[in-house]
Amino acid sequence: MPSTICTIGFAGKTAEEFFRLLKEAGVQKVIDIRDNRIGQLSGFAKYPDLAFFLERVAGIAYAYEPALAPTPEIRKTYRQDKDWSRYECSFLQLLRDRGFPEQATPSDFEGTVALLCSEPGPEKCHRRLVAELLAQHWRSQGREVEVRHLFFERPPRKPARKRKSATGHEETPDH
């Protein structure tokens, strides 16, 4: 059976945008791969609220896989040095040490699933690394796997209109 592994982050999205992205992609299950799923900054994506909202708002199942999250040490090092290639190497080694992707159960990823974390985009996020690693592993076994990154594209902001001041000069309004 073909699998679609989507990735999504909740940061920078409203609840409406987040759930719409999942529904429009046909996601059947969200797999939360955050280390801390109860953080105060999670808003609508805080557990157990998220599991409730997924089921009630979108009819989507929820699962938690903390073994697919980076360690606090890996995150701390990245926050300090901002070296993405180092982060990526450390995280991929951590996954290998944990026996991933070989020990992943394919049936957990059948249909359309979404890997969840907080980052708004997939570029510098562990969810992209997990999805790519899984897809590469299963493709090497002859499985059909698609990876899709779900994100909301906002239209560019229009520049502020210039107006004439009392003296006749153009000025841009303050925001």
N, C-alpha and C. Protein backbone atom coordinates (compact mmCIF):
# COMPACT_ATOMS: atom_id res chain seq x y z
N MET A 1 0.84 -1.18 0.00
CA MET A 1 0.00 0.00 0.00
C MET A 1 0.89 1.25 0.00
N PRO A 2 0.60 2.21 -0.87
CA PRO A 2 1.41 3.43 -0.90
C PRO A 2 1.21 4.25 0.37
N SER A 3 2.28 4.93 0.77
CA SER A 3 2.23 5.79 1.95
C SER A 3 2.56 7.21 1.55
N THR A 4 1.91 8.15 2.20
CA THR A 4 2.27 9.56 2.06
C THR A 4 2.64 10.04 3.46
N ILE A 5 3.87 10.50 3.58
CA ILE A 5 4.34 11.04 4.85
C ILE A 5 4.38 12.56 4.69
N CYS A 6 3.49 13.21 5.38
CA CYS A 6 3.46 14.67 5.39
C CYS A 6 4.23 15.15 6.61
N THR A 7 4.67 16.38 6.56
CA THR A 7 5.26 17.00 7.74
C THR A 7 4.55 18.32 7.96
N ILE A 8 4.40 18.68 9.23
CA ILE A 8 3.74 19.94 9.56
C ILE A 8 4.27 20.45 10.91
N GLY A 9 4.40 21.75 10.99
CA GLY A 9 4.73 22.42 12.25
C GLY A 9 3.58 23.33 12.61
N PHE A 10 3.38 23.56 13.89
CA PHE A 10 2.25 24.40 14.29
C PHE A 10 2.62 25.87 14.44
N ALA A 11 3.89 26.19 14.63
CA ALA A 11 4.30 27.59 14.86
C ALA A 11 3.97 28.44 13.63
N GLY A 12 3.49 29.64 13.90
CA GLY A 12 3.19 30.57 12.82
C GLY A 12 1.87 30.29 12.12
N LYS A 13 1.09 29.36 12.64
CA LYS A 13 -0.21 29.03 12.03
C LYS A 13 -1.31 29.24 13.06
N THR A 14 -2.45 29.65 12.56
CA THR A 14 -3.62 29.65 13.42
C THR A 14 -4.13 28.22 13.48
N ALA A 15 -4.99 27.94 14.44
CA ALA A 15 -5.60 26.61 14.51
C ALA A 15 -6.36 26.32 13.22
N GLU A 16 -7.06 27.33 12.70
CA GLU A 16 -7.82 27.13 11.46
C GLU A 16 -6.89 26.72 10.32
N GLU A 17 -5.77 27.41 10.16
CA GLU A 17 -4.83 27.09 9.08
C GLU A 17 -4.25 25.70 9.27
N PHE A 18 -3.86 25.37 10.50
CA PHE A 18 -3.27 24.08 10.82
C PHE A 18 -4.21 22.93 10.46
N PHE A 19 -5.44 22.99 10.96
CA PHE A 19 -6.38 21.90 10.72
C PHE A 19 -6.82 21.85 9.26
N ARG A 20 -6.91 22.99 8.61
CA ARG A 20 -7.26 23.01 7.18
C ARG A 20 -6.17 22.32 6.35
N LEU A 21 -4.91 22.61 6.65
CA LEU A 21 -3.81 21.96 5.93
C LEU A 21 -3.89 20.44 6.07
N LEU A 22 -4.13 19.96 7.28
CA LEU A 22 -4.22 18.52 7.51
C LEU A 22 -5.39 17.91 6.76
N LYS A 23 -6.55 18.55 6.84
CA LYS A 23 -7.75 18.02 6.17
C LYS A 23 -7.58 18.02 4.66
N GLU A 24 -7.07 19.12 4.11
CA GLU A 24 -6.90 19.21 2.66
C GLU A 24 -5.89 18.20 2.13
N ALA A 25 -4.93 17.81 2.95
CA ALA A 25 -3.93 16.81 2.55
C ALA A 25 -4.46 15.38 2.72
N GLY A 26 -5.62 15.24 3.34
CA GLY A 26 -6.19 13.90 3.56
C GLY A 26 -5.49 13.12 4.65
N VAL A 27 -4.90 13.81 5.61
CA VAL A 27 -4.16 13.14 6.69
C VAL A 27 -5.13 12.33 7.54
N GLN A 28 -4.73 11.08 7.81
CA GLN A 28 -5.54 10.17 8.62
C GLN A 28 -5.02 10.05 10.04
N LYS A 29 -3.72 10.34 10.22
CA LYS A 29 -3.11 10.24 11.56
C LYS A 29 -1.97 11.24 11.66
N VAL A 30 -1.91 11.92 12.81
CA VAL A 30 -0.79 12.80 13.12
C VAL A 30 0.10 12.06 14.11
N ILE A 31 1.39 12.02 13.80
CA ILE A 31 2.37 11.40 14.68
C ILE A 31 3.22 12.53 15.26
N ASP A 32 3.05 12.77 16.53
CA ASP A 32 3.73 13.84 17.24
C ASP A 32 5.14 13.38 17.57
N ILE A 33 6.15 14.07 17.01
CA ILE A 33 7.53 13.65 17.24
C ILE A 33 8.31 14.73 18.01
N ARG A 34 7.59 15.46 18.85
CA ARG A 34 8.23 16.45 19.72
C ARG A 34 8.67 15.75 21.01
N ASP A 35 9.74 16.24 21.58
CA ASP A 35 10.18 15.74 22.88
C ASP A 35 9.23 16.23 23.96
N ASN A 36 8.83 17.50 23.88
CA ASN A 36 7.95 18.09 24.88
C ASN A 36 6.63 18.49 24.21
N ARG A 37 5.62 17.71 24.42
CA ARG A 37 4.33 17.99 23.78
C ARG A 37 3.37 18.75 24.68
N ILE A 38 3.83 19.13 25.88
CA ILE A 38 2.95 19.86 26.80
C ILE A 38 3.45 21.27 27.09
N GLY A 39 4.39 21.77 26.30
CA GLY A 39 4.94 23.10 26.53
C GLY A 39 3.90 24.20 26.40
N GLN A 40 4.07 25.24 27.18
CA GLN A 40 3.12 26.35 27.20
C GLN A 40 3.05 27.07 25.86
N LEU A 41 4.13 27.05 25.08
CA LEU A 41 4.14 27.75 23.80
C LEU A 41 3.37 26.99 22.72
N SER A 42 2.90 25.79 23.03
CA SER A 42 2.23 24.97 22.04
C SER A 42 0.82 25.43 21.71
N GLY A 43 0.20 26.23 22.55
CA GLY A 43 -1.14 26.72 22.26
C GLY A 43 -2.10 25.58 21.95
N PHE A 44 -2.75 25.64 20.79
CA PHE A 44 -3.72 24.61 20.41
C PHE A 44 -3.06 23.25 20.17
N ALA A 45 -1.73 23.21 20.02
CA ALA A 45 -1.02 21.96 19.74
C ALA A 45 -0.49 21.30 21.01
N LYS A 46 -0.94 21.76 22.16
CA LYS A 46 -0.51 21.18 23.44
C LYS A 46 -1.31 19.91 23.71
N TYR A 47 -0.62 18.86 24.16
CA TYR A 47 -1.28 17.62 24.52
C TYR A 47 -1.90 17.79 25.92
N PRO A 48 -3.09 17.32 26.18
CA PRO A 48 -3.95 16.43 25.40
C PRO A 48 -4.94 17.15 24.49
N ASP A 49 -4.92 18.50 24.50
CA ASP A 49 -5.87 19.24 23.67
C ASP A 49 -5.75 18.87 22.19
N LEU A 50 -4.51 18.74 21.72
CA LEU A 50 -4.32 18.44 20.30
C LEU A 50 -5.00 17.14 19.91
N ALA A 51 -4.84 16.09 20.68
CA ALA A 51 -5.48 14.81 20.35
C ALA A 51 -7.00 14.97 20.28
N PHE A 52 -7.56 15.73 21.21
CA PHE A 52 -9.00 15.99 21.22
C PHE A 52 -9.42 16.77 19.97
N PHE A 53 -8.71 17.86 19.66
CA PHE A 53 -9.05 18.68 18.50
C PHE A 53 -8.93 17.90 17.19
N LEU A 54 -7.85 17.12 17.05
CA LEU A 54 -7.67 16.34 15.83
C LEU A 54 -8.87 15.43 15.59
N GLU A 55 -9.28 14.73 16.64
CA GLU A 55 -10.40 13.80 16.51
C GLU A 55 -11.71 14.54 16.25
N ARG A 56 -12.00 15.56 17.05
CA ARG A 56 -13.29 16.25 16.96
C ARG A 56 -13.41 17.17 15.75
N VAL A 57 -12.35 17.90 15.44
CA VAL A 57 -12.40 18.88 14.35
C VAL A 57 -12.19 18.22 12.99
N ALA A 58 -11.30 17.23 12.95
CA ALA A 58 -10.92 16.70 11.64
C ALA A 58 -11.05 15.20 11.49
N GLY A 59 -11.42 14.47 12.54
CA GLY A 59 -11.51 13.02 12.43
C GLY A 59 -10.17 12.36 12.18
N ILE A 60 -9.12 12.93 12.74
CA ILE A 60 -7.75 12.45 12.54
C ILE A 60 -7.25 11.80 13.83
N ALA A 61 -6.62 10.64 13.70
CA ALA A 61 -6.05 9.93 14.85
C ALA A 61 -4.76 10.63 15.30
N TYR A 62 -4.37 10.37 16.55
CA TYR A 62 -3.16 10.97 17.13
C TYR A 62 -2.28 9.88 17.72
N ALA A 63 -0.98 9.98 17.48
CA ALA A 63 0.00 9.07 18.09
C ALA A 63 1.20 9.90 18.53
N TYR A 64 1.91 9.40 19.53
CA TYR A 64 3.08 10.09 20.06
C TYR A 64 4.28 9.17 19.94
N GLU A 65 5.35 9.68 19.30
CA GLU A 65 6.58 8.90 19.10
C GLU A 65 7.78 9.72 19.55
N PRO A 66 8.03 9.82 20.87
CA PRO A 66 9.15 10.62 21.35
C PRO A 66 10.51 10.08 20.94
N ALA A 67 10.58 8.81 20.53
CA ALA A 67 11.86 8.25 20.08
C ALA A 67 12.32 8.89 18.77
N LEU A 68 11.43 9.64 18.12
CA LEU A 68 11.79 10.32 16.87
C LEU A 68 12.11 11.80 17.10
N ALA A 69 12.26 12.18 18.36
CA ALA A 69 12.60 13.56 18.72
C ALA A 69 14.09 13.66 19.02
N PRO A 70 14.66 14.84 18.77
CA PRO A 70 16.07 15.04 19.17
C PRO A 70 16.17 15.15 20.69
N THR A 71 17.35 14.88 21.20
CA THR A 71 17.58 15.02 22.64
C THR A 71 17.68 16.50 23.00
N PRO A 72 17.45 16.83 24.26
CA PRO A 72 17.63 18.23 24.68
C PRO A 72 19.06 18.72 24.41
N GLU A 73 20.04 17.84 24.52
CA GLU A 73 21.44 18.23 24.28
C GLU A 73 21.65 18.64 22.82
N ILE A 74 21.08 17.89 21.89
CA ILE A 74 21.22 18.22 20.46
C ILE A 74 20.56 19.57 20.18
N ARG A 75 19.38 19.79 20.75
CA ARG A 75 18.69 21.07 20.54
C ARG A 75 19.47 22.23 21.15
N LYS A 76 20.00 22.01 22.35
CA LYS A 76 20.75 23.07 23.03
C LYS A 76 22.00 23.45 22.22
N THR A 77 22.72 22.45 21.73
CA THR A 77 23.91 22.73 20.93
C THR A 77 23.55 23.53 19.69
N TYR A 78 22.45 23.16 19.03
CA TYR A 78 22.04 23.89 17.84
C TYR A 78 21.64 25.33 18.17
N ARG A 79 20.94 25.54 19.26
CA ARG A 79 20.57 26.90 19.65
C ARG A 79 21.81 27.75 19.90
N GLN A 80 22.88 27.12 20.37
CA GLN A 80 24.10 27.87 20.66
C GLN A 80 24.93 28.15 19.41
N ASP A 81 25.11 27.13 18.55
CA ASP A 81 26.02 27.33 17.42
C ASP A 81 25.34 27.53 16.06
N LYS A 82 24.05 27.27 15.97
CA LYS A 82 23.28 27.43 14.72
C LYS A 82 23.90 26.68 13.54
N ASP A 83 24.62 25.60 13.83
CA ASP A 83 25.27 24.80 12.79
C ASP A 83 24.33 23.66 12.38
N TRP A 84 23.55 23.89 11.30
CA TRP A 84 22.56 22.91 10.89
C TRP A 84 23.19 21.59 10.46
N SER A 85 24.32 21.62 9.76
CA SER A 85 24.93 20.35 9.32
C SER A 85 25.36 19.52 10.53
N ARG A 86 25.84 20.16 11.58
CA ARG A 86 26.20 19.45 12.80
C ARG A 86 24.95 18.85 13.46
N TYR A 87 23.89 19.65 13.54
CA TYR A 87 22.62 19.18 14.09
C TYR A 87 22.14 17.95 13.32
N GLU A 88 22.13 18.08 12.00
CA GLU A 88 21.65 16.99 11.15
C GLU A 88 22.46 15.71 11.39
N CYS A 89 23.77 15.81 11.41
CA CYS A 89 24.62 14.62 11.65
C CYS A 89 24.34 14.02 13.03
N SER A 90 24.24 14.87 14.04
CA SER A 90 23.98 14.38 15.40
C SER A 90 22.63 13.69 15.50
N PHE A 91 21.61 14.30 14.89
CA PHE A 91 20.27 13.75 14.97
C PHE A 91 20.17 12.43 14.19
N LEU A 92 20.73 12.39 13.00
CA LEU A 92 20.69 11.14 12.21
C LEU A 92 21.45 10.01 12.92
N GLN A 93 22.55 10.35 13.59
CA GLN A 93 23.28 9.33 14.36
C GLN A 93 22.42 8.85 15.53
N LEU A 94 21.73 9.76 16.19
CA LEU A 94 20.83 9.39 17.28
C LEU A 94 19.76 8.41 16.78
N LEU A 95 19.18 8.70 15.62
CA LEU A 95 18.16 7.79 15.07
C LEU A 95 18.76 6.42 14.78
N ARG A 96 19.95 6.38 14.20
CA ARG A 96 20.62 5.09 13.94
C ARG A 96 20.86 4.34 15.24
N ASP A 97 21.31 5.07 16.26
CA ASP A 97 21.55 4.45 17.57
C ASP A 97 20.26 3.87 18.15
N ARG A 98 19.14 4.48 17.83
CA ARG A 98 17.84 4.01 18.32
C ARG A 98 17.23 2.92 17.41
N GLY A 99 17.97 2.54 16.36
CA GLY A 99 17.49 1.49 15.47
C GLY A 99 16.48 1.96 14.44
N PHE A 100 16.50 3.22 14.17
CA PHE A 100 15.56 3.80 13.22
C PHE A 100 16.27 4.06 11.91
N PRO A 101 15.71 3.76 10.78
CA PRO A 101 14.33 3.42 10.49
C PRO A 101 14.03 1.92 10.45
N GLU A 102 15.05 1.09 10.64
CA GLU A 102 14.85 -0.36 10.52
C GLU A 102 13.76 -0.90 11.44
N GLN A 103 13.64 -0.33 12.63
CA GLN A 103 12.65 -0.83 13.59
C GLN A 103 11.29 -0.16 13.47
N ALA A 104 11.15 0.76 12.52
CA ALA A 104 9.84 1.42 12.32
C ALA A 104 8.85 0.41 11.76
N THR A 105 7.65 0.46 12.25
CA THR A 105 6.60 -0.45 11.80
C THR A 105 5.87 0.19 10.62
N PRO A 106 5.99 -0.40 9.44
CA PRO A 106 5.36 0.21 8.26
C PRO A 106 3.86 0.45 8.42
N SER A 107 3.16 -0.42 9.12
CA SER A 107 1.70 -0.24 9.27
C SER A 107 1.36 1.03 10.05
N ASP A 108 2.30 1.53 10.86
CA ASP A 108 2.06 2.79 11.58
C ASP A 108 2.04 3.99 10.64
N PHE A 109 2.56 3.79 9.42
CA PHE A 109 2.70 4.89 8.47
C PHE A 109 1.90 4.65 7.19
N GLU A 110 0.94 3.74 7.22
CA GLU A 110 0.13 3.46 6.04
C GLU A 110 -0.84 4.58 5.79
N GLY A 111 -1.19 4.77 4.53
CA GLY A 111 -2.11 5.83 4.17
C GLY A 111 -1.39 7.17 4.20
N THR A 112 -2.06 8.17 4.72
CA THR A 112 -1.47 9.51 4.79
C THR A 112 -1.33 9.90 6.25
N VAL A 113 -0.08 10.05 6.67
CA VAL A 113 0.22 10.45 8.04
C VAL A 113 0.98 11.77 8.00
N ALA A 114 0.97 12.48 9.11
CA ALA A 114 1.72 13.73 9.21
C ALA A 114 2.61 13.68 10.44
N LEU A 115 3.88 13.96 10.26
CA LEU A 115 4.82 14.08 11.37
C LEU A 115 4.73 15.52 11.87
N LEU A 116 4.53 15.67 13.17
CA LEU A 116 4.30 16.98 13.77
C LEU A 116 5.45 17.41 14.65
N CYS A 117 5.85 18.67 14.49
CA CYS A 117 6.72 19.34 15.46
C CYS A 117 6.36 20.81 15.46
N SER A 118 7.18 21.64 16.01
CA SER A 118 6.80 23.04 16.16
C SER A 118 7.27 23.95 15.03
N GLU A 119 8.40 23.69 14.44
CA GLU A 119 8.98 24.60 13.44
C GLU A 119 7.99 24.93 12.33
N PRO A 120 7.91 26.21 11.92
CA PRO A 120 6.95 26.58 10.88
C PRO A 120 7.22 25.89 9.54
N GLY A 121 8.48 25.79 9.15
CA GLY A 121 8.84 25.20 7.86
C GLY A 121 9.72 23.98 8.04
N PRO A 122 9.85 23.15 7.00
CA PRO A 122 10.61 21.91 7.11
C PRO A 122 12.11 22.04 6.87
N GLU A 123 12.57 23.18 6.39
CA GLU A 123 13.96 23.30 5.97
C GLU A 123 14.95 22.89 7.04
N LYS A 124 14.82 23.44 8.21
CA LYS A 124 15.73 23.14 9.32
C LYS A 124 14.93 22.55 10.47
N CYS A 125 14.35 21.39 10.19
CA CYS A 125 13.51 20.74 11.18
C CYS A 125 13.74 19.24 11.14
N HIS A 126 13.72 18.62 12.31
CA HIS A 126 13.96 17.18 12.38
C HIS A 126 12.85 16.37 11.73
N ARG A 127 11.64 16.94 11.61
CA ARG A 127 10.56 16.17 10.99
C ARG A 127 10.88 15.86 9.53
N ARG A 128 11.54 16.78 8.84
CA ARG A 128 11.94 16.55 7.45
C ARG A 128 12.96 15.42 7.38
N LEU A 129 13.90 15.41 8.31
CA LEU A 129 14.92 14.37 8.32
C LEU A 129 14.30 13.00 8.56
N VAL A 130 13.35 12.92 9.49
CA VAL A 130 12.67 11.65 9.79
C VAL A 130 11.91 11.17 8.56
N ALA A 131 11.15 12.07 7.93
CA ALA A 131 10.36 11.70 6.75
C ALA A 131 11.25 11.22 5.61
N GLU A 132 12.34 11.94 5.35
CA GLU A 132 13.24 11.56 4.27
C GLU A 132 13.93 10.23 4.55
N LEU A 133 14.33 10.01 5.79
CA LEU A 133 14.98 8.76 6.16
C LEU A 133 14.03 7.57 6.01
N LEU A 134 12.80 7.74 6.48
CA LEU A 134 11.79 6.68 6.33
C LEU A 134 11.52 6.38 4.85
N ALA A 135 11.31 7.43 4.08
CA ALA A 135 11.01 7.26 2.65
C ALA A 135 12.15 6.55 1.94
N GLN A 136 13.37 6.97 2.20
CA GLN A 136 14.54 6.34 1.56
C GLN A 136 14.62 4.87 1.94
N HIS A 137 14.42 4.57 3.20
CA HIS A 137 14.50 3.18 3.68
C HIS A 137 13.43 2.31 3.02
N TRP A 138 12.19 2.79 3.02
CA TRP A 138 11.11 1.98 2.46
C TRP A 138 11.16 1.90 0.94
N ARG A 139 11.63 2.94 0.28
CA ARG A 139 11.79 2.87 -1.18
C ARG A 139 12.83 1.81 -1.55
N SER A 140 13.87 1.70 -0.72
CA SER A 140 14.90 0.68 -0.99
C SER A 140 14.34 -0.74 -0.86
N GLN A 141 13.19 -0.87 -0.20
CA GLN A 141 12.52 -2.15 -0.05
C GLN A 141 11.39 -2.32 -1.07
N GLY A 142 11.29 -1.38 -2.00
CA GLY A 142 10.29 -1.48 -3.05
C GLY A 142 8.94 -0.88 -2.71
N ARG A 143 8.83 -0.21 -1.58
CA ARG A 143 7.56 0.42 -1.21
C ARG A 143 7.41 1.76 -1.93
N GLU A 144 6.17 2.16 -2.12
CA GLU A 144 5.86 3.44 -2.73
C GLU A 144 5.61 4.45 -1.61
N VAL A 145 6.45 5.50 -1.54
CA VAL A 145 6.35 6.49 -0.47
C VAL A 145 6.51 7.89 -1.06
N GLU A 146 5.60 8.76 -0.69
CA GLU A 146 5.69 10.17 -1.08
C GLU A 146 5.88 11.00 0.18
N VAL A 147 6.72 12.04 0.10
CA VAL A 147 6.90 12.97 1.21
C VAL A 147 6.35 14.33 0.78
N ARG A 148 5.49 14.90 1.62
CA ARG A 148 4.90 16.21 1.36
C ARG A 148 5.03 17.07 2.61
N HIS A 149 5.47 18.30 2.41
CA HIS A 149 5.59 19.24 3.52
C HIS A 149 4.40 20.20 3.47
N LEU A 150 3.65 20.25 4.55
CA LEU A 150 2.45 21.09 4.62
C LEU A 150 2.80 22.41 5.28
N PHE A 151 2.57 23.49 4.57
CA PHE A 151 2.79 24.80 5.16
C PHE A 151 1.85 25.78 4.50
N PHE A 152 1.55 26.83 5.21
CA PHE A 152 0.62 27.84 4.76
C PHE A 152 1.40 28.99 4.15
N GLU A 153 1.11 29.30 2.89
CA GLU A 153 1.78 30.41 2.24
C GLU A 153 0.91 31.65 2.34
N ARG A 154 1.41 32.62 3.07
CA ARG A 154 0.69 33.87 3.21
C ARG A 154 1.06 34.77 2.03
N PRO A 155 0.10 35.54 1.54
CA PRO A 155 0.42 36.48 0.47
C PRO A 155 1.38 37.55 1.00
N PRO A 156 2.25 38.05 0.15
CA PRO A 156 3.18 39.09 0.62
C PRO A 156 2.41 40.32 1.08
N ARG A 157 2.95 40.97 2.10
CA ARG A 157 2.32 42.18 2.62
C ARG A 157 2.46 43.30 1.62
N LYS A 158 1.41 44.07 1.48
CA LYS A 158 1.45 45.23 0.60
C LYS A 158 2.20 46.34 1.31
N PRO A 159 3.02 47.09 0.56
CA PRO A 159 3.71 48.21 1.22
C PRO A 159 2.69 49.26 1.64
N ALA A 160 3.03 49.94 2.70
CA ALA A 160 2.14 50.99 3.22
C ALA A 160 1.98 52.09 2.17
N ARG A 161 0.77 52.58 2.06
CA ARG A 161 0.51 53.69 1.12
C ARG A 161 1.12 54.97 1.67
N LYS A 162 1.67 55.73 0.76
CA LYS A 162 2.20 57.04 1.17
C LYS A 162 1.06 58.05 1.11
N ARG A 163 1.10 58.97 2.03
CA ARG A 163 0.08 60.02 2.03
C ARG A 163 0.77 61.38 2.15
N LYS A 164 0.04 62.37 1.79
CA LYS A 164 0.60 63.73 1.86
C LYS A 164 0.36 64.30 3.25
N SER A 165 1.41 64.87 3.79
CA SER A 165 1.29 65.52 5.10
C SER A 165 0.67 66.90 4.91
N ALA A 166 0.43 67.56 6.01
CA ALA A 166 -0.14 68.92 5.97
C ALA A 166 0.79 69.87 5.23
N THR A 167 2.10 69.53 5.19
CA THR A 167 3.06 70.42 4.51
C THR A 167 3.20 70.05 3.05
N GLY A 168 2.50 68.99 2.59
CA GLY A 168 2.57 68.61 1.18
C GLY A 168 3.62 67.55 0.89
N HIS A 169 4.37 67.11 1.91
CA HIS A 169 5.39 66.08 1.72
C HIS A 169 4.76 64.69 1.86
N GLU A 170 5.31 63.72 1.09
CA GLU A 170 4.82 62.34 1.23
C GLU A 170 5.41 61.72 2.48
N GLU A 171 4.61 60.94 3.17
CA GLU A 171 5.09 60.23 4.36
C GLU A 171 4.41 58.88 4.41
N THR A 172 5.09 57.93 5.06
CA THR A 172 4.55 56.58 5.25
C THR A 172 3.97 56.51 6.65
N PRO A 173 2.72 56.01 6.78
CA PRO A 173 2.14 55.95 8.12
C PRO A 173 2.91 55.00 9.04
N ASP A 174 2.92 55.33 10.33
CA ASP A 174 3.54 54.45 11.32
C ASP A 174 2.64 53.24 11.56
N HIS A 175 3.24 52.13 11.93
CA HIS A 175 2.47 50.92 12.24
C HIS A 175 2.48 50.66 13.69
